[in-house]
C-alpha atoms as a PDB file:
ATOM      1  CA  UNK A   1     128.043 170.947  68.370  1.00  0.00           C
ATOM      2  CA  UNK A   2     128.872 169.056  65.186  1.00  0.00           C
ATOM      3  CA  UNK A   3     131.356 166.788  66.977  1.00  0.00           C
ATOM      4  CA  UNK A   4     128.455 164.676  68.242  1.00  0.00           C
ATOM      5  CA  UNK A   5     128.940 162.623  65.052  1.00  0.00           C
ATOM      6  CA  UNK A   6     132.093 161.128  66.589  1.00  0.00           C
ATOM      7  CA  UNK A   7     130.417 159.905  69.757  1.00  0.00           C
ATOM      8  CA  UNK A   8     129.355 156.464  68.649  1.00  0.00           C
ATOM      9  CA  UNK A   9     132.838 155.311  67.676  1.00  0.00           C
ATOM     10  CA  UNK A  10     134.349 157.047  70.691  1.00  0.00           C
ATOM     11  CA  UNK A  11     132.023 155.286  73.131  1.00  0.00           C
ATOM     12  CA  UNK A  12     132.107 151.890  71.442  1.00  0.00           C
ATOM     13  CA  UNK A  13     135.900 151.806  71.407  1.00  0.00           C
ATOM     14  CA  UNK A  14     136.048 153.133  74.978  1.00  0.00           C
ATOM     15  CA  UNK A  15     133.905 150.198  76.065  1.00  0.00           C
ATOM     16  CA  UNK A  16     136.518 147.879  74.540  1.00  0.00           C
ATOM     17  CA  UNK A  17     139.692 149.584  75.740  1.00  0.00           C
ATOM     18  CA  UNK A  18     139.162 152.227  78.445  1.00  0.00           C
ATOM     19  CA  UNK A  19     139.363 151.348  82.154  1.00  0.00           C
ATOM     20  CA  UNK A  20     137.982 147.865  81.645  1.00  0.00           C
ATOM     21  CA  UNK A  21     136.797 146.362  84.936  1.00  0.00           C
ATOM     22  CA  UNK A  22     136.353 149.768  86.569  1.00  0.00           C
ATOM     23  CA  UNK A  23     133.427 152.096  87.144  1.00  0.00           C
ATOM     24  CA  UNK A  24     133.288 154.894  84.567  1.00  0.00           C
ATOM     25  CA  UNK A  25     131.036 157.911  84.067  1.00  0.00           C
ATOM     26  CA  UNK A  26     131.161 159.250  80.508  1.00  0.00           C
ATOM     27  CA  UNK A  27     130.372 162.951  81.004  1.00  0.00           C
ATOM     28  CA  UNK A  28     129.537 164.344  77.567  1.00  0.00           C
ATOM     29  CA  UNK A  29     129.448 168.107  77.086  1.00  0.00           C
ATOM     30  CA  UNK A  30     127.030 168.973  74.308  1.00  0.00           C
ATOM     31  CA  UNK A  31     124.349 171.441  73.279  1.00  0.00           C
ATOM     32  CA  UNK A  32     122.485 168.521  71.698  1.00  0.00           C
ATOM     33  CA  UNK A  33     121.895 165.835  74.355  1.00  0.00           C
ATOM     34  CA  UNK A  34     119.142 164.319  72.208  1.00  0.00           C
ATOM     35  CA  UNK A  35     121.725 163.483  69.513  1.00  0.00           C
ATOM     36  CA  UNK A  36     123.840 161.246  71.762  1.00  0.00           C
ATOM     37  CA  UNK A  37     123.683 157.700  70.343  1.00  0.00           C
ATOM     38  CA  UNK A  38     121.889 155.025  72.334  1.00  0.00           C
ATOM     39  CA  UNK A  39     124.748 152.721  73.282  1.00  0.00           C
ATOM     40  CA  UNK A  40     124.577 149.964  75.877  1.00  0.00           C
ATOM     41  CA  UNK A  41     127.522 150.143  78.263  1.00  0.00           C
ATOM     42  CA  UNK A  42     128.836 147.599  80.736  1.00  0.00           C
ATOM     43  CA  UNK A  43     127.625 147.319  84.302  1.00  0.00           C
ATOM     44  CA  UNK A  44     129.008 150.093  86.507  1.00  0.00           C
ATOM     45  CA  UNK A  45     129.455 152.456  83.563  1.00  0.00           C
ATOM     46  CA  UNK A  46     127.106 155.275  82.581  1.00  0.00           C
ATOM     47  CA  UNK A  47     126.688 157.846  79.822  1.00  0.00           C
ATOM     48  CA  UNK A  48     125.799 161.237  81.321  1.00  0.00           C
ATOM     49  CA  UNK A  49     124.941 164.128  78.968  1.00  0.00           C
ATOM     50  CA  UNK A  50     125.769 167.592  80.292  1.00  0.00           C
ATOM     51  CA  UNK A  51     124.097 170.416  78.440  1.00  0.00           C
ATOM     52  CA  UNK A  52     126.309 173.382  77.600  1.00  0.00           C
ATOM     53  CA  UNK A  53     125.709 176.388  75.384  1.00  0.00           C
ATOM     54  CA  UNK A  54     127.047 176.645  71.882  1.00  0.00           C
ATOM     55  CA  UNK A  55     129.227 179.473  70.585  1.00  0.00           C
ATOM     56  CA  UNK A  56     129.508 180.756  66.997  1.00  0.00           C
ATOM     57  CA  UNK A  57     133.313 180.435  66.817  1.00  0.00           C
ATOM     58  CA  UNK A  58     135.112 177.122  67.332  1.00  0.00           C
ATOM     59  CA  UNK A  59     137.909 179.013  69.092  1.00  0.00           C
ATOM     60  CA  UNK A  60     135.412 180.257  71.665  1.00  0.00           C
ATOM     61  CA  UNK A  61     134.064 176.739  72.189  1.00  0.00           C
ATOM     62  CA  UNK A  62     137.622 175.533  72.710  1.00  0.00           C
ATOM     63  CA  UNK A  63     138.435 178.265  75.210  1.00  0.00           C
ATOM     64  CA  UNK A  64     135.200 177.739  77.131  1.00  0.00           C
ATOM     65  CA  UNK A  65     136.096 174.097  77.797  1.00  0.00           C
ATOM     66  CA  UNK A  66     137.913 175.030  80.999  1.00  0.00           C
ATOM     67  CA  UNK A  67     134.887 177.004  82.206  1.00  0.00           C
ATOM     68  CA  UNK A  68     132.520 174.115  81.454  1.00  0.00           C
ATOM     69  CA  UNK A  69     134.666 171.550  83.244  1.00  0.00           C
ATOM     70  CA  UNK A  70     135.172 173.820  86.235  1.00  0.00           C
ATOM     71  CA  UNK A  71     131.439 174.527  86.533  1.00  0.00           C
ATOM     72  CA  UNK A  72     130.475 170.855  86.594  1.00  0.00           C
ATOM     73  CA  UNK A  73     133.362 170.006  88.896  1.00  0.00           C
ATOM     74  CA  UNK A  74     131.688 172.144  91.524  1.00  0.00           C
ATOM     75  CA  UNK A  75     128.140 171.059  90.685  1.00  0.00           C
ATOM     76  CA  UNK A  76     128.538 167.283  90.548  1.00  0.00           C
ATOM     77  CA  UNK A  77     131.934 165.740  89.724  1.00  0.00           C
ATOM     78  CA  UNK A  78     133.256 166.379  93.228  1.00  0.00           C
ATOM     79  CA  UNK A  79     130.370 164.282  94.583  1.00  0.00           C
ATOM     80  CA  UNK A  80     130.573 161.449  92.042  1.00  0.00           C
ATOM     81  CA  UNK A  81     134.142 160.610  91.022  1.00  0.00           C
ATOM     82  CA  UNK A  82     137.692 160.594  92.395  1.00  0.00           C
ATOM     83  CA  UNK A  83     139.543 161.141  89.101  1.00  0.00           C
ATOM     84  CA  UNK A  84     138.659 163.082  85.983  1.00  0.00           C
ATOM     85  CA  UNK A  85     140.125 162.408  82.526  1.00  0.00           C
ATOM     86  CA  UNK A  86     139.415 165.175  79.992  1.00  0.00           C
ATOM     87  CA  UNK A  87     139.735 164.101  76.353  1.00  0.00           C
ATOM     88  CA  UNK A  88     138.670 165.116  72.848  1.00  0.00           C
ATOM     89  CA  UNK A  89     135.773 163.197  71.331  1.00  0.00           C
ATOM     90  CA  UNK A  90     136.963 163.148  67.695  1.00  0.00           C
ATOM     91  CA  UNK A  91     139.145 160.156  68.601  1.00  0.00           C
ATOM     92  CA  UNK A  92     138.954 156.398  68.952  1.00  0.00           C
ATOM     93  CA  UNK A  93     140.501 154.046  71.485  1.00  0.00           C
ATOM     94  CA  UNK A  94     142.612 151.322  69.915  1.00  0.00           C
ATOM     95  CA  UNK A  95     144.553 149.748  72.810  1.00  0.00           C
ATOM     96  CA  UNK A  96     144.317 149.348  76.549  1.00  0.00           C
ATOM     97  CA  UNK A  97     144.163 152.478  78.708  1.00  0.00           C
ATOM     98  CA  UNK A  98     143.861 151.754  82.403  1.00  0.00           C
ATOM     99  CA  UNK A  99     144.742 152.946  85.882  1.00  0.00           C
ATOM    100  CA  UNK A 100     148.347 153.619  84.834  1.00  0.00           C
ATOM    101  CA  UNK A 101     147.186 157.074  83.682  1.00  0.00           C
ATOM    102  CA  UNK A 102     145.792 158.070  87.078  1.00  0.00           C
ATOM    103  CA  UNK A 103     147.708 160.515  89.243  1.00  0.00           C
ATOM    104  CA  UNK A 104     147.187 163.813  91.044  1.00  0.00           C
ATOM    105  CA  UNK A 105     147.838 165.699  87.812  1.00  0.00           C
ATOM    106  CA  UNK A 106     148.304 164.042  84.418  1.00  0.00           C
ATOM    107  CA  UNK A 107     149.559 165.655  81.212  1.00  0.00           C
ATOM    108  CA  UNK A 108     150.192 164.160  77.774  1.00  0.00           C
ATOM    109  CA  UNK A 109     153.075 165.141  75.511  1.00  0.00           C
ATOM    110  CA  UNK A 110     151.756 166.547  72.234  1.00  0.00           C
ATOM    111  CA  UNK A 111     152.581 164.123  69.378  1.00  0.00           C
ATOM    112  CA  UNK A 112     153.792 166.955  67.188  1.00  0.00           C
ATOM    113  CA  UNK A 113     156.509 167.957  69.659  1.00  0.00           C
ATOM    114  CA  UNK A 114     157.689 164.677  71.169  1.00  0.00           C
ATOM    115  CA  UNK A 115     161.169 164.964  69.651  1.00  0.00           C
ATOM    116  CA  UNK A 116     161.306 168.771  69.487  1.00  0.00           C
ATOM    117  CA  UNK A 117     163.373 171.143  71.563  1.00  0.00           C
ATOM    118  CA  UNK A 118     161.928 173.978  73.641  1.00  0.00           C
ATOM    119  CA  UNK A 119     162.646 176.534  70.941  1.00  0.00           C
ATOM    120  CA  UNK A 120     160.202 174.732  68.633  1.00  0.00           C
ATOM    121  CA  UNK A 121     157.293 174.639  71.099  1.00  0.00           C
ATOM    122  CA  UNK A 122     154.333 176.756  70.019  1.00  0.00           C
ATOM    123  CA  UNK A 123     153.866 178.313  73.449  1.00  0.00           C
ATOM    124  CA  UNK A 124     152.199 181.709  73.674  1.00  0.00           C
ATOM    125  CA  UNK A 125     155.145 184.086  73.274  1.00  0.00           C
ATOM    126  CA  UNK A 126     153.316 187.427  73.502  1.00  0.00           C
ATOM    127  CA  UNK A 127     153.773 188.874  76.961  1.00  0.00           C
ATOM    128  CA  UNK A 128     150.405 190.619  76.775  1.00  0.00           C
ATOM    129  CA  UNK A 129     148.669 187.255  77.157  1.00  0.00           C
ATOM    130  CA  UNK A 130     148.160 185.485  80.498  1.00  0.00           C
ATOM    131  CA  UNK A 131     149.332 182.313  78.701  1.00  0.00           C
ATOM    132  CA  UNK A 132     152.780 183.823  78.042  1.00  0.00           C
ATOM    133  CA  UNK A 133     155.735 181.518  78.697  1.00  0.00           C
ATOM    134  CA  UNK A 134     159.242 183.040  78.642  1.00  0.00           C
ATOM    135  CA  UNK A 135     161.743 181.530  76.152  1.00  0.00           C
ATOM    136  CA  UNK A 136     163.823 179.936  78.923  1.00  0.00           C
ATOM    137  CA  UNK A 137     160.851 178.177  80.578  1.00  0.00           C
ATOM    138  CA  UNK A 138     159.042 174.904  79.844  1.00  0.00           C
ATOM    139  CA  UNK A 139     160.019 171.240  79.678  1.00  0.00           C
ATOM    140  CA  UNK A 140     157.437 169.754  77.304  1.00  0.00           C
ATOM    141  CA  UNK A 141     154.623 170.853  75.035  1.00  0.00           C
ATOM    142  CA  UNK A 142     151.403 169.266  76.280  1.00  0.00           C
ATOM    143  CA  UNK A 143     148.291 168.369  74.289  1.00  0.00           C
ATOM    144  CA  UNK A 144     144.983 169.908  75.260  1.00  0.00           C
ATOM    145  CA  UNK A 145     143.177 166.747  74.170  1.00  0.00           C
ATOM    146  CA  UNK A 146     144.199 164.480  77.071  1.00  0.00           C
ATOM    147  CA  UNK A 147     144.760 165.681  80.627  1.00  0.00           C
ATOM    148  CA  UNK A 148     143.337 164.933  84.039  1.00  0.00           C
ATOM    149  CA  UNK A 149     143.945 164.097  87.658  1.00  0.00           C
ATOM    150  CA  UNK A 150     142.162 164.044  90.973  1.00  0.00           C
ATOM    151  CA  UNK A 151     139.029 166.151  91.190  1.00  0.00           C
ATOM    152  CA  UNK A 152     140.653 168.793  93.476  1.00  0.00           C
ATOM    153  CA  UNK A 153     143.685 169.161  91.184  1.00  0.00           C
ATOM    154  CA  UNK A 154     141.642 169.393  87.995  1.00  0.00           C
ATOM    155  CA  UNK A 155     139.450 171.953  89.735  1.00  0.00           C
ATOM    156  CA  UNK A 156     142.507 174.121  90.456  1.00  0.00           C
ATOM    157  CA  UNK A 157     143.809 173.702  86.907  1.00  0.00           C
ATOM    158  CA  UNK A 158     140.527 174.570  85.166  1.00  0.00           C
ATOM    159  CA  UNK A 159     139.827 177.477  87.540  1.00  0.00           C
ATOM    160  CA  UNK A 160     143.251 179.031  86.925  1.00  0.00           C
ATOM    161  CA  UNK A 161     143.049 178.539  83.156  1.00  0.00           C
ATOM    162  CA  UNK A 162     139.513 179.894  82.916  1.00  0.00           C
ATOM    163  CA  UNK A 163     140.391 182.974  84.961  1.00  0.00           C
ATOM    164  CA  UNK A 164     143.427 183.629  82.760  1.00  0.00           C
ATOM    165  CA  UNK A 165     141.338 183.202  79.594  1.00  0.00           C
ATOM    166  CA  UNK A 166     138.824 185.740  80.910  1.00  0.00           C
ATOM    167  CA  UNK A 167     141.589 188.240  81.711  1.00  0.00           C
ATOM    168  CA  UNK A 168     142.836 187.869  78.139  1.00  0.00           C
ATOM    169  CA  UNK A 169     139.317 188.201  76.778  1.00  0.00           C
ATOM    170  CA  UNK A 170     138.847 191.496  78.618  1.00  0.00           C
ATOM    171  CA  UNK A 171     142.011 192.734  76.893  1.00  0.00           C
ATOM    172  CA  UNK A 172     140.765 191.448  73.491  1.00  0.00           C
ATOM    173  CA  UNK A 173     143.612 188.913  73.473  1.00  0.00           C
ATOM    174  CA  UNK A 174     143.290 185.297  72.401  1.00  0.00           C
ATOM    175  CA  UNK A 175     146.161 182.893  73.088  1.00  0.00           C
ATOM    176  CA  UNK A 176     147.683 181.263  70.029  1.00  0.00           C
ATOM    177  CA  UNK A 177     146.207 177.818  70.773  1.00  0.00           C
ATOM    178  CA  UNK A 178     143.309 178.885  72.993  1.00  0.00           C
ATOM    179  CA  UNK A 179     142.920 176.740  76.115  1.00  0.00           C
ATOM    180  CA  UNK A 180     145.885 174.515  75.168  1.00  0.00           C
ATOM    181  CA  UNK A 181     148.174 177.534  75.554  1.00  0.00           C
ATOM    182  CA  UNK A 182     146.806 178.201  79.029  1.00  0.00           C
ATOM    183  CA  UNK A 183     147.125 174.513  79.925  1.00  0.00           C
ATOM    184  CA  UNK A 184     150.795 174.609  78.958  1.00  0.00           C
ATOM    185  CA  UNK A 185     151.322 177.741  81.050  1.00  0.00           C
ATOM    186  CA  UNK A 186     149.740 175.994  84.043  1.00  0.00           C
ATOM    187  CA  UNK A 187     151.926 172.917  83.595  1.00  0.00           C
ATOM    188  CA  UNK A 188     155.102 175.021  83.508  1.00  0.00           C
ATOM    189  CA  UNK A 189     154.492 176.173  87.083  1.00  0.00           C
ATOM    190  CA  UNK A 190     152.432 173.216  88.365  1.00  0.00           C
ATOM    191  CA  UNK A 191     154.306 170.169  87.086  1.00  0.00           C
ATOM    192  CA  UNK A 192     152.212 167.103  86.251  1.00  0.00           C
ATOM    193  CA  UNK A 193     152.811 164.198  88.608  1.00  0.00           C
ATOM    194  CA  UNK A 194     152.413 161.856  85.636  1.00  0.00           C
ATOM    195  CA  UNK A 195     153.407 162.537  82.038  1.00  0.00           C
ATOM    196  CA  UNK A 196     151.992 160.322  79.277  1.00  0.00           C
ATOM    197  CA  UNK A 197     153.751 159.687  75.985  1.00  0.00           C
ATOM    198  CA  UNK A 198     152.072 160.258  72.575  1.00  0.00           C
ATOM    199  CA  UNK A 199     150.875 156.624  72.763  1.00  0.00           C
ATOM    200  CA  UNK A 200     147.951 158.178  74.595  1.00  0.00           C
ATOM    201  CA  UNK A 201     147.186 160.818  71.962  1.00  0.00           C
ATOM    202  CA  UNK A 202     148.323 160.077  68.440  1.00  0.00           C
ATOM    203  CA  UNK A 203     147.359 161.992  65.314  1.00  0.00           C
ATOM    204  CA  UNK A 204     147.633 159.473  62.465  1.00  0.00           C
ATOM    205  CA  UNK A 205     146.256 156.068  61.557  1.00  0.00           C
ATOM    206  CA  UNK A 206     149.025 155.526  58.997  1.00  0.00           C
ATOM    207  CA  UNK A 207     152.198 157.119  60.356  1.00  0.00           C
ATOM    208  CA  UNK A 208     154.015 155.137  63.045  1.00  0.00           C
ATOM    209  CA  UNK A 209     157.531 156.312  63.998  1.00  0.00           C
ATOM    210  CA  UNK A 210     160.017 153.779  65.329  1.00  0.00           C
ATOM    211  CA  UNK A 211     159.714 154.970  68.927  1.00  0.00           C
ATOM    212  CA  UNK A 212     155.938 154.470  69.066  1.00  0.00           C
ATOM    213  CA  UNK A 213     155.187 150.942  70.264  1.00  0.00           C
ATOM    214  CA  UNK A 214     151.432 151.356  70.676  1.00  0.00           C
ATOM    215  CA  UNK A 215     148.692 153.715  69.523  1.00  0.00           C
ATOM    216  CA  UNK A 216     146.170 153.739  72.341  1.00  0.00           C
ATOM    217  CA  UNK A 217     144.067 156.763  71.398  1.00  0.00           C
ATOM    218  CA  UNK A 218     144.021 157.962  67.785  1.00  0.00           C
ATOM    219  CA  UNK A 219     142.507 160.954  66.006  1.00  0.00           C
ATOM    220  CA  UNK A 220     139.754 160.141  63.516  1.00  0.00           C
ATOM    221  CA  UNK A 221     140.477 161.579  60.047  1.00  0.00           C
ATOM    222  CA  UNK A 222     138.182 164.516  59.273  1.00  0.00           C
ATOM    223  CA  UNK A 223     137.906 167.781  57.433  1.00  0.00           C
ATOM    224  CA  UNK A 224     138.583 170.123  60.353  1.00  0.00           C
ATOM    225  CA  UNK A 225     137.623 173.233  58.392  1.00  0.00           C
ATOM    226  CA  UNK A 226     134.232 171.804  57.441  1.00  0.00           C
ATOM    227  CA  UNK A 227     133.576 170.555  60.984  1.00  0.00           C
ATOM    228  CA  UNK A 228     134.371 173.921  62.529  1.00  0.00           C
ATOM    229  CA  UNK A 229     132.587 176.066  59.984  1.00  0.00           C
END
């Protein structure tokens, strides 16, 4: 996966800002474990490559994320950690992120929809899809790039989303925003016990609206088309 190029900055900034003073396992899903940079991490923290298969379409890779997480939840996470935080790697940490994010089920409001009303949310609106959300349902639009919770709760979330994705796939249907659409469907009917603001997933180095006091986790500028193709 080409996104391995973002790992060094991701890990270096995580070592400065993420869960400082706590034990952390960095589980890295990749088809190229040999390409993971050799970074020294603090005591009690470990980088753990997890080999996964590649797929020709970036949409398929995105959708398979729930399957990958669910598989390793059963194989090892349940034996090794109490909480799981699932994030995108094409990001950098820029301010403190600590135990305040931990809860049974954590969701993060998408930065593009923080001030938007329900009618503007890009939920899956086709009833043929398992990710379908009726027009009168939904409180927030959540980002697929930052969610988590206790191992049992994340297991239930990823299992439900993966099963729904496979039902769609068998009908030759693909939700508008792949696994993010299914995540939003899950959160409509299984409310997060903690909701994070866009401080925890921001999209721009330069743009800072008046309501945003901190940028804790920021997208790295890139040519998305080139990276995916």
